[in-house]
């Protein structure tokens, strides 16, 4: 999303952030009521999706890193931004757990 530097863009961004906050609070309430089993199934599905889409994720991330460097972002920021194939392979499968 390209942010234009004017009062209308800031108002739009503010409204969008307000809506995201409302959605996050609603999701948090729903998550608090979910069973452990439902949460575990959701996490397993997320993990499987990340593994399945890892090449697309890494490709998009590579473009983001190139753009961040072009934009003159701090080297530490670029380093934290960059994902690697091992990052994707650390996502758990089945009943395994996250491996930092």
C-alpha atoms as a PDB file:
ATOM      1  CA  UNK A   1       0.000   0.000   0.000  1.00  0.00           C
ATOM      2  CA  UNK A   2       1.470   3.325  -1.029  1.00  0.00           C
ATOM      3  CA  UNK A   3       0.777   6.031   1.511  1.00  0.00           C
ATOM      4  CA  UNK A   4       0.293   9.502   0.108  1.00  0.00           C
ATOM      5  CA  UNK A   5       1.350  12.309   2.375  1.00  0.00           C
ATOM      6  CA  UNK A   6      -1.854  14.290   2.711  1.00  0.00           C
ATOM      7  CA  UNK A   7      -4.616  14.712   5.233  1.00  0.00           C
ATOM      8  CA  UNK A   8      -7.012  12.437   3.319  1.00  0.00           C
ATOM      9  CA  UNK A   9      -4.510   9.583   3.247  1.00  0.00           C
ATOM     10  CA  UNK A  10      -3.880  10.004   6.967  1.00  0.00           C
ATOM     11  CA  UNK A  11      -7.616   9.968   7.664  1.00  0.00           C
ATOM     12  CA  UNK A  12      -8.010   6.833   5.536  1.00  0.00           C
ATOM     13  CA  UNK A  13      -5.113   5.183   7.342  1.00  0.00           C
ATOM     14  CA  UNK A  14      -6.564   6.157  10.710  1.00  0.00           C
ATOM     15  CA  UNK A  15      -9.952   4.682   9.773  1.00  0.00           C
ATOM     16  CA  UNK A  16      -8.305   1.517   8.483  1.00  0.00           C
ATOM     17  CA  UNK A  17      -6.265   1.128  11.681  1.00  0.00           C
ATOM     18  CA  UNK A  18      -9.385   1.678  13.794  1.00  0.00           C
ATOM     19  CA  UNK A  19     -11.181  -1.074  11.871  1.00  0.00           C
ATOM     20  CA  UNK A  20      -8.208  -3.418  12.230  1.00  0.00           C
ATOM     21  CA  UNK A  21      -8.229  -2.778  15.976  1.00  0.00           C
ATOM     22  CA  UNK A  22     -11.947  -3.565  16.223  1.00  0.00           C
ATOM     23  CA  UNK A  23     -11.467  -6.758  14.217  1.00  0.00           C
ATOM     24  CA  UNK A  24      -8.508  -7.795  16.393  1.00  0.00           C
ATOM     25  CA  UNK A  25     -10.500  -7.268  19.592  1.00  0.00           C
ATOM     26  CA  UNK A  26     -13.397  -9.316  18.203  1.00  0.00           C
ATOM     27  CA  UNK A  27     -11.018 -12.084  17.149  1.00  0.00           C
ATOM     28  CA  UNK A  28      -9.369 -12.064  20.592  1.00  0.00           C
ATOM     29  CA  UNK A  29     -12.743 -12.546  22.276  1.00  0.00           C
ATOM     30  CA  UNK A  30     -13.582 -15.429  19.962  1.00  0.00           C
ATOM     31  CA  UNK A  31     -10.164 -17.002  20.476  1.00  0.00           C
ATOM     32  CA  UNK A  32     -10.549 -16.774  24.251  1.00  0.00           C
ATOM     33  CA  UNK A  33     -13.709 -18.894  23.994  1.00  0.00           C
ATOM     34  CA  UNK A  34     -12.178 -21.483  21.638  1.00  0.00           C
ATOM     35  CA  UNK A  35     -11.197 -24.879  22.969  1.00  0.00           C
ATOM     36  CA  UNK A  36      -7.569 -25.946  23.166  1.00  0.00           C
ATOM     37  CA  UNK A  37      -8.255 -28.537  20.481  1.00  0.00           C
ATOM     38  CA  UNK A  38      -9.687 -25.905  18.135  1.00  0.00           C
ATOM     39  CA  UNK A  39      -6.670 -23.653  18.736  1.00  0.00           C
ATOM     40  CA  UNK A  40      -4.282 -26.531  18.091  1.00  0.00           C
ATOM     41  CA  UNK A  41      -6.072 -27.413  14.843  1.00  0.00           C
ATOM     42  CA  UNK A  42      -5.899 -23.788  13.733  1.00  0.00           C
ATOM     43  CA  UNK A  43      -2.173 -23.581  14.501  1.00  0.00           C
ATOM     44  CA  UNK A  44      -1.549 -26.837  12.625  1.00  0.00           C
ATOM     45  CA  UNK A  45      -3.431 -25.493   9.599  1.00  0.00           C
ATOM     46  CA  UNK A  46      -1.467 -22.231   9.695  1.00  0.00           C
ATOM     47  CA  UNK A  47       1.813 -24.131   9.939  1.00  0.00           C
ATOM     48  CA  UNK A  48       0.879 -26.411   7.034  1.00  0.00           C
ATOM     49  CA  UNK A  49      -0.087 -23.417   4.916  1.00  0.00           C
ATOM     50  CA  UNK A  50       3.209 -21.656   5.635  1.00  0.00           C
ATOM     51  CA  UNK A  51       5.170 -24.784   4.683  1.00  0.00           C
ATOM     52  CA  UNK A  52       3.068 -25.261   1.536  1.00  0.00           C
ATOM     53  CA  UNK A  53       3.502 -21.641   0.447  1.00  0.00           C
ATOM     54  CA  UNK A  54       7.122 -21.272   1.604  1.00  0.00           C
ATOM     55  CA  UNK A  55       8.557 -20.690  -1.879  1.00  0.00           C
ATOM     56  CA  UNK A  56       5.995 -17.928  -2.535  1.00  0.00           C
ATOM     57  CA  UNK A  57       6.660 -16.416   0.898  1.00  0.00           C
ATOM     58  CA  UNK A  58      10.427 -16.436   0.373  1.00  0.00           C
ATOM     59  CA  UNK A  59      10.091 -14.943  -3.119  1.00  0.00           C
ATOM     60  CA  UNK A  60       7.901 -12.096  -1.871  1.00  0.00           C
ATOM     61  CA  UNK A  61      10.222 -11.558   1.086  1.00  0.00           C
ATOM     62  CA  UNK A  62      13.199 -11.322  -1.260  1.00  0.00           C
ATOM     63  CA  UNK A  63      11.444  -8.505  -3.142  1.00  0.00           C
ATOM     64  CA  UNK A  64      10.693  -6.773   0.173  1.00  0.00           C
ATOM     65  CA  UNK A  65      14.357  -7.001   1.210  1.00  0.00           C
ATOM     66  CA  UNK A  66      15.527  -5.546  -2.125  1.00  0.00           C
ATOM     67  CA  UNK A  67      13.030  -2.683  -1.785  1.00  0.00           C
ATOM     68  CA  UNK A  68      14.028  -2.014   1.832  1.00  0.00           C
ATOM     69  CA  UNK A  69      17.667  -1.733   0.765  1.00  0.00           C
ATOM     70  CA  UNK A  70      16.719   0.617  -2.089  1.00  0.00           C
ATOM     71  CA  UNK A  71      14.713   2.712   0.362  1.00  0.00           C
ATOM     72  CA  UNK A  72      17.791   3.044   2.584  1.00  0.00           C
ATOM     73  CA  UNK A  73      16.393   1.139   5.535  1.00  0.00           C
ATOM     74  CA  UNK A  74      18.738   0.444   8.418  1.00  0.00           C
ATOM     75  CA  UNK A  75      20.847  -2.716   7.989  1.00  0.00           C
ATOM     76  CA  UNK A  76      19.529  -4.152  11.260  1.00  0.00           C
ATOM     77  CA  UNK A  77      15.953  -3.703  10.014  1.00  0.00           C
ATOM     78  CA  UNK A  78      16.783  -5.391   6.698  1.00  0.00           C
ATOM     79  CA  UNK A  79      18.436  -8.259   8.570  1.00  0.00           C
ATOM     80  CA  UNK A  80      15.322  -8.798  10.709  1.00  0.00           C
ATOM     81  CA  UNK A  81      13.126  -8.543   7.613  1.00  0.00           C
ATOM     82  CA  UNK A  82      14.980 -11.227   5.660  1.00  0.00           C
ATOM     83  CA  UNK A  83      13.607 -14.766   5.826  1.00  0.00           C
ATOM     84  CA  UNK A  84      15.592 -17.849   4.847  1.00  0.00           C
ATOM     85  CA  UNK A  85      14.607 -21.400   3.812  1.00  0.00           C
ATOM     86  CA  UNK A  86      15.508 -22.699   7.303  1.00  0.00           C
ATOM     87  CA  UNK A  87      12.948 -20.256   8.739  1.00  0.00           C
ATOM     88  CA  UNK A  88      10.192 -21.958   6.756  1.00  0.00           C
ATOM     89  CA  UNK A  89      11.368 -25.448   7.651  1.00  0.00           C
ATOM     90  CA  UNK A  90      11.184 -24.670  11.390  1.00  0.00           C
ATOM     91  CA  UNK A  91       7.392 -24.467  11.253  1.00  0.00           C
ATOM     92  CA  UNK A  92       6.077 -27.564  12.995  1.00  0.00           C
ATOM     93  CA  UNK A  93       4.284 -30.422  11.310  1.00  0.00           C
ATOM     94  CA  UNK A  94       1.590 -32.553  12.874  1.00  0.00           C
ATOM     95  CA  UNK A  95       1.999 -32.639  16.632  1.00  0.00           C
ATOM     96  CA  UNK A  96       5.550 -31.275  16.695  1.00  0.00           C
ATOM     97  CA  UNK A  97       6.312 -27.923  18.268  1.00  0.00           C
ATOM     98  CA  UNK A  98       7.914 -24.663  17.060  1.00  0.00           C
ATOM     99  CA  UNK A  99      11.713 -24.823  16.939  1.00  0.00           C
ATOM    100  CA  UNK A 100      13.292 -21.368  17.442  1.00  0.00           C
END
